[in-house]
Amino acid sequence: MVYKTRGTCSSEIHFDVIDNKLSNVRYTGGCNGNLKGIGKLVEGMDVDDAIRRLDGITCGMKPTSCPDQLAKALKQYKASC
């Protein structure tokens, strides 16, 4: 799935879900090293666990963040299934 982010330095999140587990999480733009780290940390994680852990994280004064945007992307994915 490709999710267009809003309110963050990254512009897109690409990811796969296999048996309700996250796979191949990749961000376009943003803080390269940090976002690669997020991708590695959530690899193989249950979608619901990732949402629970990442939802609501902010970045500085912004009301969202790249991890929060991943939670939003996963919620959209779940709603489309």
PDB file of N, CA and C in Angstrom:
ATOM      1  N   MET A   1       0.853  -1.172   0.000  1.00  0.00           N
ATOM      2  CA  MET A   1       0.000   0.000   0.000  1.00  0.00           C
ATOM      3  C   MET A   1       0.895   1.231   0.000  1.00  0.00           C
ATOM      4  N   VAL A   2       0.405   2.284  -0.597  1.00  0.00           N
ATOM      5  CA  VAL A   2       1.085   3.577  -0.578  1.00  0.00           C
ATOM      6  C   VAL A   2       0.150   4.569   0.101  1.00  0.00           C
ATOM      7  N   TYR A   3       0.657   5.257   1.107  1.00  0.00           N
ATOM      8  CA  TYR A   3      -0.118   6.246   1.853  1.00  0.00           C
ATOM      9  C   TYR A   3       0.555   7.597   1.704  1.00  0.00           C
ATOM     10  N   LYS A   4      -0.193   8.613   1.293  1.00  0.00           N
ATOM     11  CA  LYS A   4       0.304   9.983   1.175  1.00  0.00           C
ATOM     12  C   LYS A   4       0.201  10.642   2.548  1.00  0.00           C
ATOM     13  N   THR A   5       1.340  11.011   3.113  1.00  0.00           N
ATOM     14  CA  THR A   5       1.351  11.606   4.449  1.00  0.00           C
ATOM     15  C   THR A   5       0.887  13.057   4.405  1.00  0.00           C
ATOM     16  N   ARG A   6       0.488  13.548   5.587  1.00  0.00           N
ATOM     17  CA  ARG A   6       0.052  14.938   5.732  1.00  0.00           C
ATOM     18  C   ARG A   6       0.713  15.536   6.974  1.00  0.00           C
ATOM     19  N   GLY A   7       1.322  16.694   6.819  1.00  0.00           N
ATOM     20  CA  GLY A   7       1.870  17.412   7.964  1.00  0.00           C
ATOM     21  C   GLY A   7       3.230  16.939   8.435  1.00  0.00           C
ATOM     22  N   THR A   8       3.939  16.175   7.604  1.00  0.00           N
ATOM     23  CA  THR A   8       5.271  15.689   7.988  1.00  0.00           C
ATOM     24  C   THR A   8       6.276  15.962   6.874  1.00  0.00           C
ATOM     25  N   CYS A   9       7.529  15.793   7.204  1.00  0.00           N
ATOM     26  CA  CYS A   9       8.599  15.964   6.209  1.00  0.00           C
ATOM     27  C   CYS A   9       8.565  14.856   5.158  1.00  0.00           C
ATOM     28  N   SER A  10       8.159  13.665   5.567  1.00  0.00           N
ATOM     29  CA  SER A  10       8.025  12.575   4.585  1.00  0.00           C
ATOM     30  C   SER A  10       6.774  12.823   3.745  1.00  0.00           C
ATOM     31  N   SER A  11       6.766  12.296   2.533  1.00  0.00           N
ATOM     32  CA  SER A  11       5.611  12.527   1.652  1.00  0.00           C
ATOM     33  C   SER A  11       4.781  11.269   1.405  1.00  0.00           C
ATOM     34  N   GLU A  12       5.387  10.096   1.594  1.00  0.00           N
ATOM     35  CA  GLU A  12       4.672   8.835   1.370  1.00  0.00           C
ATOM     36  C   GLU A  12       5.214   7.757   2.301  1.00  0.00           C
ATOM     37  N   ILE A  13       4.336   6.791   2.570  1.00  0.00           N
ATOM     38  CA  ILE A  13       4.760   5.580   3.264  1.00  0.00           C
ATOM     39  C   ILE A  13       4.321   4.406   2.404  1.00  0.00           C
ATOM     40  N   HIS A  14       5.250   3.509   2.130  1.00  0.00           N
ATOM     41  CA  HIS A  14       4.974   2.279   1.380  1.00  0.00           C
ATOM     42  C   HIS A  14       5.093   1.122   2.364  1.00  0.00           C
ATOM     43  N   PHE A  15       4.146   0.204   2.321  1.00  0.00           N
ATOM     44  CA  PHE A  15       4.241  -0.955   3.201  1.00  0.00           C
ATOM     45  C   PHE A  15       3.386  -2.089   2.671  1.00  0.00           C
ATOM     46  N   ASP A  16       3.697  -3.291   3.146  1.00  0.00           N
ATOM     47  CA  ASP A  16       2.914  -4.486   2.850  1.00  0.00           C
ATOM     48  C   ASP A  16       2.401  -5.036   4.167  1.00  0.00           C
ATOM     49  N   VAL A  17       1.292  -5.741   4.102  1.00  0.00           N
ATOM     50  CA  VAL A  17       0.769  -6.465   5.259  1.00  0.00           C
ATOM     51  C   VAL A  17       0.551  -7.901   4.821  1.00  0.00           C
ATOM     52  N   ILE A  18       1.183  -8.822   5.549  1.00  0.00           N
ATOM     53  CA  ILE A  18       1.062 -10.251   5.265  1.00  0.00           C
ATOM     54  C   ILE A  18       0.630 -10.929   6.557  1.00  0.00           C
ATOM     55  N   ASP A  19      -0.544 -11.566   6.537  1.00  0.00           N
ATOM     56  CA  ASP A  19      -1.086 -12.221   7.728  1.00  0.00           C
ATOM     57  C   ASP A  19      -1.152 -11.256   8.912  1.00  0.00           C
ATOM     58  N   ASN A  20      -1.607 -10.035   8.662  1.00  0.00           N
ATOM     59  CA  ASN A  20      -1.766  -8.967   9.654  1.00  0.00           C
ATOM     60  C   ASN A  20      -0.439  -8.519  10.281  1.00  0.00           C
ATOM     61  N   LYS A  21       0.672  -8.794   9.600  1.00  0.00           N
ATOM     62  CA  LYS A  21       2.001  -8.373  10.064  1.00  0.00           C
ATOM     63  C   LYS A  21       2.594  -7.389   9.059  1.00  0.00           C
ATOM     64  N   LEU A  22       3.255  -6.352   9.574  1.00  0.00           N
ATOM     65  CA  LEU A  22       3.874  -5.348   8.710  1.00  0.00           C
ATOM     66  C   LEU A  22       5.132  -5.873   8.042  1.00  0.00           C
ATOM     67  N   SER A  23       5.326  -5.440   6.799  1.00  0.00           N
ATOM     68  CA  SER A  23       6.502  -5.847   6.035  1.00  0.00           C
ATOM     69  C   SER A  23       6.884  -4.732   5.075  1.00  0.00           C
ATOM     70  N   ASN A  24       8.170  -4.586   4.820  1.00  0.00           N
ATOM     71  CA  ASN A  24       8.678  -3.644   3.807  1.00  0.00           C
ATOM     72  C   ASN A  24       8.215  -2.209   4.019  1.00  0.00           C
ATOM     73  N   VAL A  25       8.275  -1.703   5.243  1.00  0.00           N
ATOM     74  CA  VAL A  25       7.882  -0.316   5.513  1.00  0.00           C
ATOM     75  C   VAL A  25       8.989   0.610   5.031  1.00  0.00           C
ATOM     76  N   ARG A  26       8.622   1.515   4.114  1.00  0.00           N
ATOM     77  CA  ARG A  26       9.576   2.459   3.539  1.00  0.00           C
ATOM     78  C   ARG A  26       8.921   3.833   3.442  1.00  0.00           C
ATOM     79  N   TYR A  27       9.646   4.838   3.853  1.00  0.00           N
ATOM     80  CA  TYR A  27       9.178   6.222   3.764  1.00  0.00           C
ATOM     81  C   TYR A  27       9.861   6.907   2.588  1.00  0.00           C
ATOM     82  N   THR A  28       9.173   7.865   1.975  1.00  0.00           N
ATOM     83  CA  THR A  28       9.752   8.736   0.962  1.00  0.00           C
ATOM     84  C   THR A  28       9.925  10.100   1.604  1.00  0.00           C
ATOM     85  N   GLY A  29      11.157  10.625   1.576  1.00  0.00           N
ATOM     86  CA  GLY A  29      11.442  11.904   2.209  1.00  0.00           C
ATOM     87  C   GLY A  29      11.612  11.741   3.710  1.00  0.00           C
ATOM     88  N   GLY A  30      11.742  12.860   4.385  1.00  0.00           N
ATOM     89  CA  GLY A  30      11.874  12.839   5.832  1.00  0.00           C
ATOM     90  C   GLY A  30      13.285  12.544   6.290  1.00  0.00           C
ATOM     91  N   CYS A  31      13.431  12.231   7.561  1.00  0.00           N
ATOM     92  CA  CYS A  31      14.734  11.956   8.189  1.00  0.00           C
ATOM     93  C   CYS A  31      15.137  10.518   7.891  1.00  0.00           C
ATOM     94  N   ASN A  32      15.968  10.345   6.922  1.00  0.00           N
ATOM     95  CA  ASN A  32      16.297   9.041   6.357  1.00  0.00           C
ATOM     96  C   ASN A  32      16.637   7.984   7.407  1.00  0.00           C
ATOM     97  N   GLY A  33      17.592   8.254   8.256  1.00  0.00           N
ATOM     98  CA  GLY A  33      18.021   7.254   9.233  1.00  0.00           C
ATOM     99  C   GLY A  33      16.935   6.901  10.230  1.00  0.00           C
ATOM    100  N   ASN A  34      16.247   7.909  10.750  1.00  0.00           N
ATOM    101  CA  ASN A  34      15.178   7.659  11.716  1.00  0.00           C
ATOM    102  C   ASN A  34      14.057   6.840  11.091  1.00  0.00           C
ATOM    103  N   LEU A  35      13.712   7.149   9.867  1.00  0.00           N
ATOM    104  CA  LEU A  35      12.598   6.446   9.227  1.00  0.00           C
ATOM    105  C   LEU A  35      12.980   5.030   8.820  1.00  0.00           C
ATOM    106  N   LYS A  36      14.241   4.824   8.452  1.00  0.00           N
ATOM    107  CA  LYS A  36      14.705   3.453   8.225  1.00  0.00           C
ATOM    108  C   LYS A  36      14.614   2.667   9.531  1.00  0.00           C
ATOM    109  N   GLY A  37      14.949   3.326  10.643  1.00  0.00           N
ATOM    110  CA  GLY A  37      14.875   2.691  11.951  1.00  0.00           C
ATOM    111  C   GLY A  37      13.455   2.295  12.309  1.00  0.00           C
ATOM    112  N   ILE A  38      12.500   3.174  12.055  1.00  0.00           N
ATOM    113  CA  ILE A  38      11.100   2.843  12.318  1.00  0.00           C
ATOM    114  C   ILE A  38      10.696   1.633  11.493  1.00  0.00           C
ATOM    115  N   GLY A  39      11.076   1.633  10.221  1.00  0.00           N
ATOM    116  CA  GLY A  39      10.747   0.500   9.353  1.00  0.00           C
ATOM    117  C   GLY A  39      11.279  -0.818   9.897  1.00  0.00           C
ATOM    118  N   LYS A  40      12.512  -0.808  10.386  1.00  0.00           N
ATOM    119  CA  LYS A  40      13.107  -2.030  10.942  1.00  0.00           C
ATOM    120  C   LYS A  40      12.418  -2.434  12.244  1.00  0.00           C
ATOM    121  N   LEU A  41      12.074  -1.461  13.074  1.00  0.00           N
ATOM    122  CA  LEU A  41      11.452  -1.766  14.365  1.00  0.00           C
ATOM    123  C   LEU A  41      10.061  -2.367  14.219  1.00  0.00           C
ATOM    124  N   VAL A  42       9.315  -1.940  13.196  1.00  0.00           N
ATOM    125  CA  VAL A  42       7.945  -2.452  13.046  1.00  0.00           C
ATOM    126  C   VAL A  42       7.869  -3.675  12.127  1.00  0.00           C
ATOM    127  N   GLU A  43       8.975  -4.047  11.501  1.00  0.00           N
ATOM    128  CA  GLU A  43       8.992  -5.219  10.611  1.00  0.00           C
ATOM    129  C   GLU A  43       8.506  -6.452  11.370  1.00  0.00           C
ATOM    130  N   GLY A  44       7.475  -7.099  10.855  1.00  0.00           N
ATOM    131  CA  GLY A  44       6.924  -8.299  11.473  1.00  0.00           C
ATOM    132  C   GLY A  44       5.950  -8.028  12.610  1.00  0.00           C
ATOM    133  N   MET A  45       5.742  -6.755  12.944  1.00  0.00           N
ATOM    134  CA  MET A  45       4.845  -6.397  14.045  1.00  0.00           C
ATOM    135  C   MET A  45       3.386  -6.522  13.608  1.00  0.00           C
ATOM    136  N   ASP A  46       2.548  -6.968  14.504  1.00  0.00           N
ATOM    137  CA  ASP A  46       1.120  -7.025  14.263  1.00  0.00           C
ATOM    138  C   ASP A  46       0.596  -5.615  13.994  1.00  0.00           C
ATOM    139  N   VAL A  47      -0.281  -5.475  13.013  1.00  0.00           N
ATOM    140  CA  VAL A  47      -0.813  -4.163  12.619  1.00  0.00           C
ATOM    141  C   VAL A  47      -1.442  -3.449  13.805  1.00  0.00           C
ATOM    142  N   ASP A  48      -2.242  -4.151  14.593  1.00  0.00           N
ATOM    143  CA  ASP A  48      -2.919  -3.518  15.732  1.00  0.00           C
ATOM    144  C   ASP A  48      -1.915  -3.058  16.799  1.00  0.00           C
ATOM    145  N   ASP A  49      -0.861  -3.821  17.015  1.00  0.00           N
ATOM    146  CA  ASP A  49       0.183  -3.417  17.963  1.00  0.00           C
ATOM    147  C   ASP A  49       0.888  -2.162  17.476  1.00  0.00           C
ATOM    148  N   ALA A  50       1.188  -2.099  16.188  1.00  0.00           N
ATOM    149  CA  ALA A  50       1.852  -0.917  15.628  1.00  0.00           C
ATOM    150  C   ALA A  50       0.968   0.314  15.779  1.00  0.00           C
ATOM    151  N   ILE A  51      -0.310   0.175  15.489  1.00  0.00           N
ATOM    152  CA  ILE A  51      -1.232   1.310  15.644  1.00  0.00           C
ATOM    153  C   ILE A  51      -1.233   1.780  17.098  1.00  0.00           C
ATOM    154  N   ARG A  52      -1.368   0.854  18.022  1.00  0.00           N
ATOM    155  CA  ARG A  52      -1.425   1.182  19.444  1.00  0.00           C
ATOM    156  C   ARG A  52      -0.148   1.907  19.907  1.00  0.00           C
ATOM    157  N   ARG A  53       1.001   1.490  19.403  1.00  0.00           N
ATOM    158  CA  ARG A  53       2.267   2.087  19.828  1.00  0.00           C
ATOM    159  C   ARG A  53       2.556   3.438  19.174  1.00  0.00           C
ATOM    160  N   LEU A  54       2.129   3.628  17.929  1.00  0.00           N
ATOM    161  CA  LEU A  54       2.525   4.808  17.163  1.00  0.00           C
ATOM    162  C   LEU A  54       1.481   5.922  17.128  1.00  0.00           C
ATOM    163  N   ASP A  55       0.234   5.584  17.346  1.00  0.00           N
ATOM    164  CA  ASP A  55      -0.865   6.550  17.235  1.00  0.00           C
ATOM    165  C   ASP A  55      -0.687   7.702  18.226  1.00  0.00           C
ATOM    166  N   GLY A  56      -0.756   8.921  17.714  1.00  0.00           N
ATOM    167  CA  GLY A  56      -0.727  10.111  18.564  1.00  0.00           C
ATOM    168  C   GLY A  56       0.643  10.687  18.840  1.00  0.00           C
ATOM    169  N   ILE A  57       1.713  10.063  18.340  1.00  0.00           N
ATOM    170  CA  ILE A  57       3.059  10.621  18.538  1.00  0.00           C
ATOM    171  C   ILE A  57       3.158  11.923  17.745  1.00  0.00           C
ATOM    172  N   THR A  58       3.668  12.962  18.393  1.00  0.00           N
ATOM    173  CA  THR A  58       3.827  14.258  17.727  1.00  0.00           C
ATOM    174  C   THR A  58       5.299  14.518  17.440  1.00  0.00           C
ATOM    175  N   CYS A  59       5.556  15.516  16.595  1.00  0.00           N
ATOM    176  CA  CYS A  59       6.926  15.915  16.240  1.00  0.00           C
ATOM    177  C   CYS A  59       7.050  17.416  16.496  1.00  0.00           C
ATOM    178  N   GLY A  60       7.766  17.780  17.551  1.00  0.00           N
ATOM    179  CA  GLY A  60       7.890  19.196  17.889  1.00  0.00           C
ATOM    180  C   GLY A  60       6.520  19.799  18.141  1.00  0.00           C
ATOM    181  N   MET A  61       6.245  20.899  17.488  1.00  0.00           N
ATOM    182  CA  MET A  61       4.957  21.584  17.641  1.00  0.00           C
ATOM    183  C   MET A  61       3.888  21.055  16.690  1.00  0.00           C
ATOM    184  N   LYS A  62       4.257  20.117  15.825  1.00  0.00           N
ATOM    185  CA  LYS A  62       3.300  19.558  14.870  1.00  0.00           C
ATOM    186  C   LYS A  62       2.343  18.608  15.593  1.00  0.00           C
ATOM    187  N   PRO A  63       1.095  18.549  15.165  1.00  0.00           N
ATOM    188  CA  PRO A  63       0.138  17.640  15.810  1.00  0.00           C
ATOM    189  C   PRO A  63       0.274  16.187  15.365  1.00  0.00           C
ATOM    190  N   THR A  64       1.222  15.906  14.483  1.00  0.00           N
ATOM    191  CA  THR A  64       1.436  14.554  13.962  1.00  0.00           C
ATOM    192  C   THR A  64       2.929  14.310  13.819  1.00  0.00           C
ATOM    193  N   SER A  65       3.300  13.138  13.336  1.00  0.00           N
ATOM    194  CA  SER A  65       4.697  12.773  13.117  1.00  0.00           C
ATOM    195  C   SER A  65       4.724  11.659  12.088  1.00  0.00           C
ATOM    196  N   CYS A  66       5.913  11.273  11.663  1.00  0.00           N
ATOM    197  CA  CYS A  66       6.017  10.152  10.725  1.00  0.00           C
ATOM    198  C   CYS A  66       5.503   8.843  11.342  1.00  0.00           C
ATOM    199  N   PRO A  67       5.808   8.549  12.622  1.00  0.00           N
ATOM    200  CA  PRO A  67       5.217   7.343  13.209  1.00  0.00           C
ATOM    201  C   PRO A  67       3.685   7.435  13.301  1.00  0.00           C
ATOM    202  N   ASP A  68       3.166   8.590  13.672  1.00  0.00           N
ATOM    203  CA  ASP A  68       1.712   8.787  13.750  1.00  0.00           C
ATOM    204  C   ASP A  68       1.077   8.611  12.371  1.00  0.00           C
ATOM    205  N   GLN A  69       1.746   9.083  11.334  1.00  0.00           N
ATOM    206  CA  GLN A  69       1.226   8.924   9.979  1.00  0.00           C
ATOM    207  C   GLN A  69       1.182   7.449   9.581  1.00  0.00           C
ATOM    208  N   LEU A  70       2.143   6.646  10.047  1.00  0.00           N
ATOM    209  CA  LEU A  70       2.093   5.218   9.791  1.00  0.00           C
ATOM    210  C   LEU A  70       0.877   4.609  10.475  1.00  0.00           C
ATOM    211  N   ALA A  71       0.586   5.037  11.704  1.00  0.00           N
ATOM    212  CA  ALA A  71      -0.618   4.545  12.391  1.00  0.00           C
ATOM    213  C   ALA A  71      -1.862   4.900  11.596  1.00  0.00           C
ATOM    214  N   LYS A  72      -1.930   6.114  11.076  1.00  0.00           N
ATOM    215  CA  LYS A  72      -3.080   6.531  10.256  1.00  0.00           C
ATOM    216  C   LYS A  72      -3.177   5.685   8.976  1.00  0.00           C
ATOM    217  N   ALA A  73      -2.029   5.416   8.366  1.00  0.00           N
ATOM    218  CA  ALA A  73      -2.004   4.587   7.158  1.00  0.00           C
ATOM    219  C   ALA A  73      -2.528   3.188   7.468  1.00  0.00           C
ATOM    220  N   LEU A  74      -2.127   2.633   8.601  1.00  0.00           N
ATOM    221  CA  LEU A  74      -2.562   1.300   8.979  1.00  0.00           C
ATOM    222  C   LEU A  74      -4.059   1.263   9.295  1.00  0.00           C
ATOM    223  N   LYS A  75      -4.557   2.329   9.898  1.00  0.00           N
ATOM    224  CA  LYS A  75      -6.006   2.410  10.150  1.00  0.00           C
ATOM    225  C   LYS A  75      -6.763   2.449   8.816  1.00  0.00           C
ATOM    226  N   GLN A  76      -6.236   3.216   7.862  1.00  0.00           N
ATOM    227  CA  GLN A  76      -6.874   3.268   6.537  1.00  0.00           C
ATOM    228  C   GLN A  76      -6.824   1.900   5.881  1.00  0.00           C
ATOM    229  N   TYR A  77      -5.694   1.230   5.980  1.00  0.00           N
ATOM    230  CA  TYR A  77      -5.574  -0.119   5.434  1.00  0.00           C
ATOM    231  C   TYR A  77      -6.634  -1.040   6.036  1.00  0.00           C
ATOM    232  N   LYS A  78      -6.773  -1.035   7.352  1.00  0.00           N
ATOM    233  CA  LYS A  78      -7.734  -1.896   8.020  1.00  0.00           C
ATOM    234  C   LYS A  78      -9.169  -1.586   7.581  1.00  0.00           C
ATOM    235  N   ALA A  79      -9.473  -0.301   7.403  1.00  0.00           N
ATOM    236  CA  ALA A  79     -10.812   0.107   6.994  1.00  0.00           C
ATOM    237  C   ALA A  79     -11.137  -0.360   5.582  1.00  0.00           C
ATOM    238  N   SER A  80     -10.098  -0.549   4.756  1.00  0.00           N
ATOM    239  CA  SER A  80     -10.315  -0.949   3.365  1.00  0.00           C
ATOM    240  C   SER A  80     -10.416  -2.457   3.182  1.00  0.00           C
ATOM    241  N   CYS A  81     -10.120  -3.215   4.222  1.00  0.00           N
ATOM    242  CA  CYS A  81     -10.154  -4.694   4.130  1.00  0.00           C
ATOM    243  C   CYS A  81     -11.539  -5.245   4.353  1.00  0.00           C
TER     244      CYS A  81
END
